[in-house]
PDB file of N, CA and C in Angstrom:
ATOM      1  N   GLY A   1      -7.760 -11.432  -9.124  1.00  0.00           N
ATOM      2  CA  GLY A   1      -7.598 -10.231  -8.328  1.00  0.00           C
ATOM      3  C   GLY A   1      -7.700  -8.976  -9.172  1.00  0.00           C
ATOM      4  N   ARG A   2      -7.667  -7.861  -8.532  1.00  0.00           N
ATOM      5  CA  ARG A   2      -7.720  -6.573  -9.226  1.00  0.00           C
ATOM      6  C   ARG A   2      -6.414  -6.296  -9.936  1.00  0.00           C
ATOM      7  N   ARG A   3      -6.509  -5.699 -11.113  1.00  0.00           N
ATOM      8  CA  ARG A   3      -5.296  -5.315 -11.827  1.00  0.00           C
ATOM      9  C   ARG A   3      -4.584  -4.225 -11.039  1.00  0.00           C
ATOM     10  N   GLY A   4      -3.302  -4.403 -10.780  1.00  0.00           N
ATOM     11  CA  GLY A   4      -2.529  -3.400 -10.071  1.00  0.00           C
ATOM     12  C   GLY A   4      -2.676  -3.444  -8.559  1.00  0.00           C
ATOM     13  N   SER A   5      -3.441  -4.394  -8.038  1.00  0.00           N
ATOM     14  CA  SER A   5      -3.671  -4.472  -6.604  1.00  0.00           C
ATOM     15  C   SER A   5      -2.452  -5.045  -5.892  1.00  0.00           C
ATOM     16  N   LEU A   6      -2.123  -4.475  -4.759  1.00  0.00           N
ATOM     17  CA  LEU A   6      -1.038  -5.045  -3.955  1.00  0.00           C
ATOM     18  C   LEU A   6      -1.446  -6.381  -3.359  1.00  0.00           C
ATOM     19  N   GLY A   7      -2.716  -6.721  -3.435  1.00  0.00           N
ATOM     20  CA  GLY A   7      -3.202  -7.980  -2.890  1.00  0.00           C
ATOM     21  C   GLY A   7      -3.157  -9.145  -3.856  1.00  0.00           C
ATOM     22  N   GLU A   8      -2.677  -8.981  -5.075  1.00  0.00           N
ATOM     23  CA  GLU A   8      -2.645 -10.056  -6.055  1.00  0.00           C
ATOM     24  C   GLU A   8      -1.711 -11.164  -5.604  1.00  0.00           C
ATOM     25  N   SER A   9      -2.232 -12.387  -5.569  1.00  0.00           N
ATOM     26  CA  SER A   9      -1.422 -13.513  -5.101  1.00  0.00           C
ATOM     27  C   SER A   9      -0.305 -13.858  -6.071  1.00  0.00           C
ATOM     28  N   THR A  10      -0.451 -13.526  -7.354  1.00  0.00           N
ATOM     29  CA  THR A  10       0.579 -13.884  -8.326  1.00  0.00           C
ATOM     30  C   THR A  10       1.880 -13.128  -8.107  1.00  0.00           C
ATOM     31  N   ARG A  11       1.839 -12.016  -7.414  1.00  0.00           N
ATOM     32  CA  ARG A  11       3.044 -11.219  -7.194  1.00  0.00           C
ATOM     33  C   ARG A  11       3.435 -11.176  -5.723  1.00  0.00           C
ATOM     34  N   LYS A  12       2.853 -12.057  -4.923  1.00  0.00           N
ATOM     35  CA  LYS A  12       3.066 -12.016  -3.479  1.00  0.00           C
ATOM     36  C   LYS A  12       4.545 -12.153  -3.099  1.00  0.00           C
ATOM     37  N   GLY A  13       5.252 -13.080  -3.718  1.00  0.00           N
ATOM     38  CA  GLY A  13       6.673 -13.254  -3.400  1.00  0.00           C
ATOM     39  C   GLY A  13       7.481 -12.014  -3.728  1.00  0.00           C
ATOM     40  N   GLU A  14       7.178 -11.398  -4.876  1.00  0.00           N
ATOM     41  CA  GLU A  14       7.878 -10.182  -5.282  1.00  0.00           C
ATOM     42  C   GLU A  14       7.595  -9.044  -4.303  1.00  0.00           C
ATOM     43  N   LYS A  15       6.349  -8.909  -3.880  1.00  0.00           N
ATOM     44  CA  LYS A  15       5.987  -7.841  -2.928  1.00  0.00           C
ATOM     45  C   LYS A  15       6.714  -8.030  -1.614  1.00  0.00           C
ATOM     46  N   ARG A  16       6.750  -9.261  -1.138  1.00  0.00           N
ATOM     47  CA  ARG A  16       7.410  -9.520   0.144  1.00  0.00           C
ATOM     48  C   ARG A  16       8.907  -9.257   0.059  1.00  0.00           C
ATOM     49  N   HIS A  17       9.487  -9.492  -1.095  1.00  0.00           N
ATOM     50  CA  HIS A  17      10.914  -9.230  -1.289  1.00  0.00           C
ATOM     51  C   HIS A  17      11.201  -7.725  -1.298  1.00  0.00           C
ATOM     52  N   LEU A  18      10.342  -6.951  -1.953  1.00  0.00           N
ATOM     53  CA  LEU A  18      10.559  -5.512  -2.079  1.00  0.00           C
ATOM     54  C   LEU A  18      10.076  -4.718  -0.870  1.00  0.00           C
ATOM     55  N   HIS A  19       9.129  -5.257  -0.108  1.00  0.00           N
ATOM     56  CA  HIS A  19       8.507  -4.516   0.994  1.00  0.00           C
ATOM     57  C   HIS A  19       9.497  -3.879   1.962  1.00  0.00           C
ATOM     58  N   PRO A  20      10.550  -4.576   2.408  1.00  0.00           N
ATOM     59  CA  PRO A  20      11.474  -3.945   3.365  1.00  0.00           C
ATOM     60  C   PRO A  20      12.200  -2.717   2.816  1.00  0.00           C
ATOM     61  N   LEU A  21      12.273  -2.569   1.502  1.00  0.00           N
ATOM     62  CA  LEU A  21      12.988  -1.443   0.916  1.00  0.00           C
ATOM     63  C   LEU A  21      12.194  -0.136   0.944  1.00  0.00           C
ATOM     64  N   PHE A  22      10.861  -0.208   0.881  1.00  0.00           N
ATOM     65  CA  PHE A  22      10.044   0.994   0.756  1.00  0.00           C
ATOM     66  C   PHE A  22      10.171   1.969   1.916  1.00  0.00           C
ATOM     67  N   PRO A  23      10.066   1.526   3.171  1.00  0.00           N
ATOM     68  CA  PRO A  23      10.153   2.510   4.263  1.00  0.00           C
ATOM     69  C   PRO A  23      11.461   3.286   4.256  1.00  0.00           C
ATOM     70  N   GLU A  24      12.555   2.613   3.955  1.00  0.00           N
ATOM     71  CA  GLU A  24      13.858   3.283   3.970  1.00  0.00           C
ATOM     72  C   GLU A  24      14.027   4.239   2.793  1.00  0.00           C
ATOM     73  N   LEU A  25      13.589   3.816   1.612  1.00  0.00           N
ATOM     74  CA  LEU A  25      13.781   4.628   0.414  1.00  0.00           C
ATOM     75  C   LEU A  25      12.763   5.762   0.283  1.00  0.00           C
ATOM     76  N   GLN A  26      11.522   5.490   0.615  1.00  0.00           N
ATOM     77  CA  GLN A  26      10.448   6.441   0.351  1.00  0.00           C
ATOM     78  C   GLN A  26       9.774   6.994   1.606  1.00  0.00           C
ATOM     79  N   ARG A  27      10.119   6.498   2.778  1.00  0.00           N
ATOM     80  CA  ARG A  27       9.439   6.890   4.022  1.00  0.00           C
ATOM     81  C   ARG A  27       7.951   6.570   3.935  1.00  0.00           C
ATOM     82  N   VAL A  28       7.668   5.443   3.263  1.00  0.00           N
ATOM     83  CA  VAL A  28       6.310   4.939   3.085  1.00  0.00           C
ATOM     84  C   VAL A  28       6.330   3.478   3.502  1.00  0.00           C
ATOM     85  N   ASP A  29       5.313   3.036   4.241  1.00  0.00           N
ATOM     86  CA  ASP A  29       5.216   1.634   4.624  1.00  0.00           C
ATOM     87  C   ASP A  29       3.850   1.110   4.208  1.00  0.00           C
ATOM     88  N   ILE A  30       3.830   0.314   3.154  1.00  0.00           N
ATOM     89  CA  ILE A  30       2.599  -0.302   2.671  1.00  0.00           C
ATOM     90  C   ILE A  30       2.768  -1.805   2.807  1.00  0.00           C
ATOM     91  N   HIS A  31       1.942  -2.409   3.640  1.00  0.00           N
ATOM     92  CA  HIS A  31       2.043  -3.854   3.854  1.00  0.00           C
ATOM     93  C   HIS A  31       1.731  -4.577   2.545  1.00  0.00           C
ATOM     94  N   PRO A  32       2.483  -5.633   2.212  1.00  0.00           N
ATOM     95  CA  PRO A  32       2.265  -6.321   0.946  1.00  0.00           C
ATOM     96  C   PRO A  32       0.889  -6.961   0.794  1.00  0.00           C
ATOM     97  N   ASP A  33       0.172  -7.198   1.895  1.00  0.00           N
ATOM     98  CA  ASP A  33      -1.163  -7.794   1.805  1.00  0.00           C
ATOM     99  C   ASP A  33      -2.281  -6.753   1.792  1.00  0.00           C
ATOM    100  N   ALA A  34      -1.943  -5.474   1.886  1.00  0.00           N
ATOM    101  CA  ALA A  34      -2.971  -4.423   1.788  1.00  0.00           C
ATOM    102  C   ALA A  34      -3.587  -4.475   0.405  1.00  0.00           C
ATOM    103  N   ARG A  35      -4.890  -4.204   0.330  1.00  0.00           N
ATOM    104  CA  ARG A  35      -5.585  -4.222  -0.963  1.00  0.00           C
ATOM    105  C   ARG A  35      -5.738  -2.785  -1.444  1.00  0.00           C
ATOM    106  N   ILE A  36      -5.090  -2.484  -2.557  1.00  0.00           N
ATOM    107  CA  ILE A  36      -5.061  -1.131  -3.103  1.00  0.00           C
ATOM    108  C   ILE A  36      -5.757  -1.140  -4.462  1.00  0.00           C
ATOM    109  N   GLY A  37      -6.731  -0.256  -4.639  1.00  0.00           N
ATOM    110  CA  GLY A  37      -7.450  -0.170  -5.908  1.00  0.00           C
ATOM    111  C   GLY A  37      -6.651   0.555  -6.973  1.00  0.00           C
ATOM    112  N   GLU A  38      -7.300   0.782  -8.101  1.00  0.00           N
ATOM    113  CA  GLU A  38      -6.668   1.470  -9.217  1.00  0.00           C
ATOM    114  C   GLU A  38      -6.795   2.976  -9.056  1.00  0.00           C
ATOM    115  N   GLY A  39      -5.840   3.706  -9.598  1.00  0.00           N
ATOM    116  CA  GLY A  39      -5.906   5.158  -9.606  1.00  0.00           C
ATOM    117  C   GLY A  39      -5.653   5.804  -8.257  1.00  0.00           C
ATOM    118  N   VAL A  40      -4.897   5.144  -7.388  1.00  0.00           N
ATOM    119  CA  VAL A  40      -4.591   5.700  -6.062  1.00  0.00           C
ATOM    120  C   VAL A  40      -3.383   6.626  -6.191  1.00  0.00           C
ATOM    121  N   LEU A  41      -3.496   7.825  -5.629  1.00  0.00           N
ATOM    122  CA  LEU A  41      -2.435   8.820  -5.674  1.00  0.00           C
ATOM    123  C   LEU A  41      -1.875   9.021  -4.280  1.00  0.00           C
ATOM    124  N   LEU A  42      -0.572   8.813  -4.110  1.00  0.00           N
ATOM    125  CA  LEU A  42       0.116   9.120  -2.857  1.00  0.00           C
ATOM    126  C   LEU A  42       0.857  10.429  -3.091  1.00  0.00           C
ATOM    127  N   ASP A  43       0.243  11.523  -2.680  1.00  0.00           N
ATOM    128  CA  ASP A  43       0.794  12.850  -2.913  1.00  0.00           C
ATOM    129  C   ASP A  43       1.696  13.231  -1.750  1.00  0.00           C
ATOM    130  N   HIS A  44       2.983  13.419  -2.007  1.00  0.00           N
ATOM    131  CA  HIS A  44       3.955  13.693  -0.938  1.00  0.00           C
ATOM    132  C   HIS A  44       3.804  12.628   0.140  1.00  0.00           C
ATOM    133  N   ALA A  45       4.079  11.408  -0.208  1.00  0.00           N
ATOM    134  CA  ALA A  45       3.732  10.240   0.600  1.00  0.00           C
ATOM    135  C   ALA A  45       4.539  10.071   1.883  1.00  0.00           C
ATOM    136  N   THR A  46       5.411  10.975   2.205  1.00  0.00           N
ATOM    137  CA  THR A  46       6.220  10.852   3.416  1.00  0.00           C
ATOM    138  C   THR A  46       5.332  10.597   4.626  1.00  0.00           C
ATOM    139  N   GLY A  47       5.650   9.554   5.361  1.00  0.00           N
ATOM    140  CA  GLY A  47       4.916   9.259   6.586  1.00  0.00           C
ATOM    141  C   GLY A  47       3.645   8.456   6.380  1.00  0.00           C
ATOM    142  N   VAL A  48       3.407   7.920   5.193  1.00  0.00           N
ATOM    143  CA  VAL A  48       2.207   7.125   4.934  1.00  0.00           C
ATOM    144  C   VAL A  48       2.452   5.695   5.392  1.00  0.00           C
ATOM    145  N   VAL A  49       1.505   5.154   6.169  1.00  0.00           N
ATOM    146  CA  VAL A  49       1.543   3.770   6.629  1.00  0.00           C
ATOM    147  C   VAL A  49       0.201   3.143   6.282  1.00  0.00           C
ATOM    148  N   ILE A  50       0.240   2.051   5.533  1.00  0.00           N
ATOM    149  CA  ILE A  50      -0.978   1.328   5.158  1.00  0.00           C
ATOM    150  C   ILE A  50      -0.816  -0.097   5.658  1.00  0.00           C
ATOM    151  N   GLY A  51      -1.676  -0.495   6.590  1.00  0.00           N
ATOM    152  CA  GLY A  51      -1.553  -1.774   7.272  1.00  0.00           C
ATOM    153  C   GLY A  51      -2.032  -2.975   6.482  1.00  0.00           C
ATOM    154  N   GLU A  52      -1.803  -4.140   7.057  1.00  0.00           N
ATOM    155  CA  GLU A  52      -2.062  -5.426   6.416  1.00  0.00           C
ATOM    156  C   GLU A  52      -3.519  -5.629   6.005  1.00  0.00           C
ATOM    157  N   THR A  53      -4.466  -5.245   6.825  1.00  0.00           N
ATOM    158  CA  THR A  53      -5.877  -5.515   6.545  1.00  0.00           C
ATOM    159  C   THR A  53      -6.599  -4.336   5.913  1.00  0.00           C
ATOM    160  N   THR A  54      -5.853  -3.329   5.499  1.00  0.00           N
ATOM    161  CA  THR A  54      -6.442  -2.132   4.907  1.00  0.00           C
ATOM    162  C   THR A  54      -6.915  -2.403   3.484  1.00  0.00           C
ATOM    163  N   GLU A  55      -8.059  -1.823   3.143  1.00  0.00           N
ATOM    164  CA  GLU A  55      -8.565  -1.853   1.772  1.00  0.00           C
ATOM    165  C   GLU A  55      -8.773  -0.414   1.328  1.00  0.00           C
ATOM    166  N   VAL A  56      -8.077  -0.012   0.272  1.00  0.00           N
ATOM    167  CA  VAL A  56      -8.200   1.332  -0.292  1.00  0.00           C
ATOM    168  C   VAL A  56      -8.898   1.178  -1.636  1.00  0.00           C
ATOM    169  N   GLY A  57      -9.993   1.901  -1.843  1.00  0.00           N
ATOM    170  CA  GLY A  57     -10.765   1.793  -3.075  1.00  0.00           C
ATOM    171  C   GLY A  57     -10.076   2.447  -4.264  1.00  0.00           C
ATOM    172  N   ASN A  58     -10.811   2.558  -5.349  1.00  0.00           N
ATOM    173  CA  ASN A  58     -10.304   3.178  -6.574  1.00  0.00           C
ATOM    174  C   ASN A  58     -10.363   4.694  -6.491  1.00  0.00           C
ATOM    175  N   ASP A  59      -9.452   5.346  -7.218  1.00  0.00           N
ATOM    176  CA  ASP A  59      -9.449   6.809  -7.365  1.00  0.00           C
ATOM    177  C   ASP A  59      -9.424   7.542  -6.028  1.00  0.00           C
ATOM    178  N   VAL A  60      -8.479   7.163  -5.178  1.00  0.00           N
ATOM    179  CA  VAL A  60      -8.317   7.755  -3.851  1.00  0.00           C
ATOM    180  C   VAL A  60      -7.015   8.550  -3.825  1.00  0.00           C
ATOM    181  N   SER A  61      -7.044   9.725  -3.191  1.00  0.00           N
ATOM    182  CA  SER A  61      -5.828  10.513  -2.967  1.00  0.00           C
ATOM    183  C   SER A  61      -5.464  10.424  -1.490  1.00  0.00           C
ATOM    184  N   ILE A  62      -4.206  10.117  -1.205  1.00  0.00           N
ATOM    185  CA  ILE A  62      -3.718  10.019   0.171  1.00  0.00           C
ATOM    186  C   ILE A  62      -2.579  11.013   0.312  1.00  0.00           C
ATOM    187  N   LEU A  63      -2.678  11.899   1.289  1.00  0.00           N
ATOM    188  CA  LEU A  63      -1.660  12.916   1.509  1.00  0.00           C
ATOM    189  C   LEU A  63      -0.631  12.421   2.510  1.00  0.00           C
ATOM    190  N   GLN A  64       0.319  13.249   2.877  1.00  0.00           N
ATOM    191  CA  GLN A  64       1.408  12.846   3.760  1.00  0.00           C
ATOM    192  C   GLN A  64       0.948  12.655   5.202  1.00  0.00           C
ATOM    193  N   ASN A  65       1.732  11.870   5.935  1.00  0.00           N
ATOM    194  CA  ASN A  65       1.520  11.590   7.359  1.00  0.00           C
ATOM    195  C   ASN A  65       0.148  11.010   7.646  1.00  0.00           C
ATOM    196  N   VAL A  66      -0.199   9.920   6.936  1.00  0.00           N
ATOM    197  CA  VAL A  66      -1.482   9.233   7.103  1.00  0.00           C
ATOM    198  C   VAL A  66      -1.222   7.799   7.483  1.00  0.00           C
ATOM    199  N   MET A  67      -1.976   7.291   8.479  1.00  0.00           N
ATOM    200  CA  MET A  67      -1.906   5.888   8.838  1.00  0.00           C
ATOM    201  C   MET A  67      -3.276   5.273   8.609  1.00  0.00           C
ATOM    202  N   LEU A  68      -3.334   4.201   7.820  1.00  0.00           N
ATOM    203  CA  LEU A  68      -4.572   3.490   7.552  1.00  0.00           C
ATOM    204  C   LEU A  68      -4.459   2.083   8.074  1.00  0.00           C
ATOM    205  N   ARG A  69      -5.445   1.677   8.859  1.00  0.00           N
ATOM    206  CA  ARG A  69      -5.484   0.303   9.372  1.00  0.00           C
ATOM    207  C   ARG A  69      -6.887  -0.230   9.156  1.00  0.00           C
ATOM    208  N   GLY A  70      -6.964  -1.488   8.825  1.00  0.00           N
ATOM    209  CA  GLY A  70      -8.268  -2.155   8.734  1.00  0.00           C
ATOM    210  C   GLY A  70      -8.565  -2.822  10.058  1.00  0.00           C
ATOM    211  N   THR A  71      -9.667  -3.547  10.085  1.00  0.00           N
ATOM    212  CA  THR A  71      -9.985  -4.320  11.275  1.00  0.00           C
ATOM    213  C   THR A  71      -9.928  -5.771  10.899  1.00  0.00           C
ATOM    214  N   GLY A  72      -9.544  -6.570  11.846  1.00  0.00           N
ATOM    215  CA  GLY A  72      -9.281  -7.828  11.524  1.00  0.00           C
ATOM    216  C   GLY A  72      -9.650  -9.116  11.629  1.00  0.00           C
TER     217      GLY A  72
END
């Protein structure tokens, strides 16, 4: 898998364990199976939702109040 990707199977158990904490602590909801590239910036990430089938490429900036969903 990609280095740093939320989709890496080697860290799947850890992601699933930590996932419920993110929305409450950071007001961000990133599904543990979303594929996130390297160099992604969540600038003022309040209100960001990234769904299960979403793929975010490398060097992407995401601002606040954004919902990303893939197709399935």
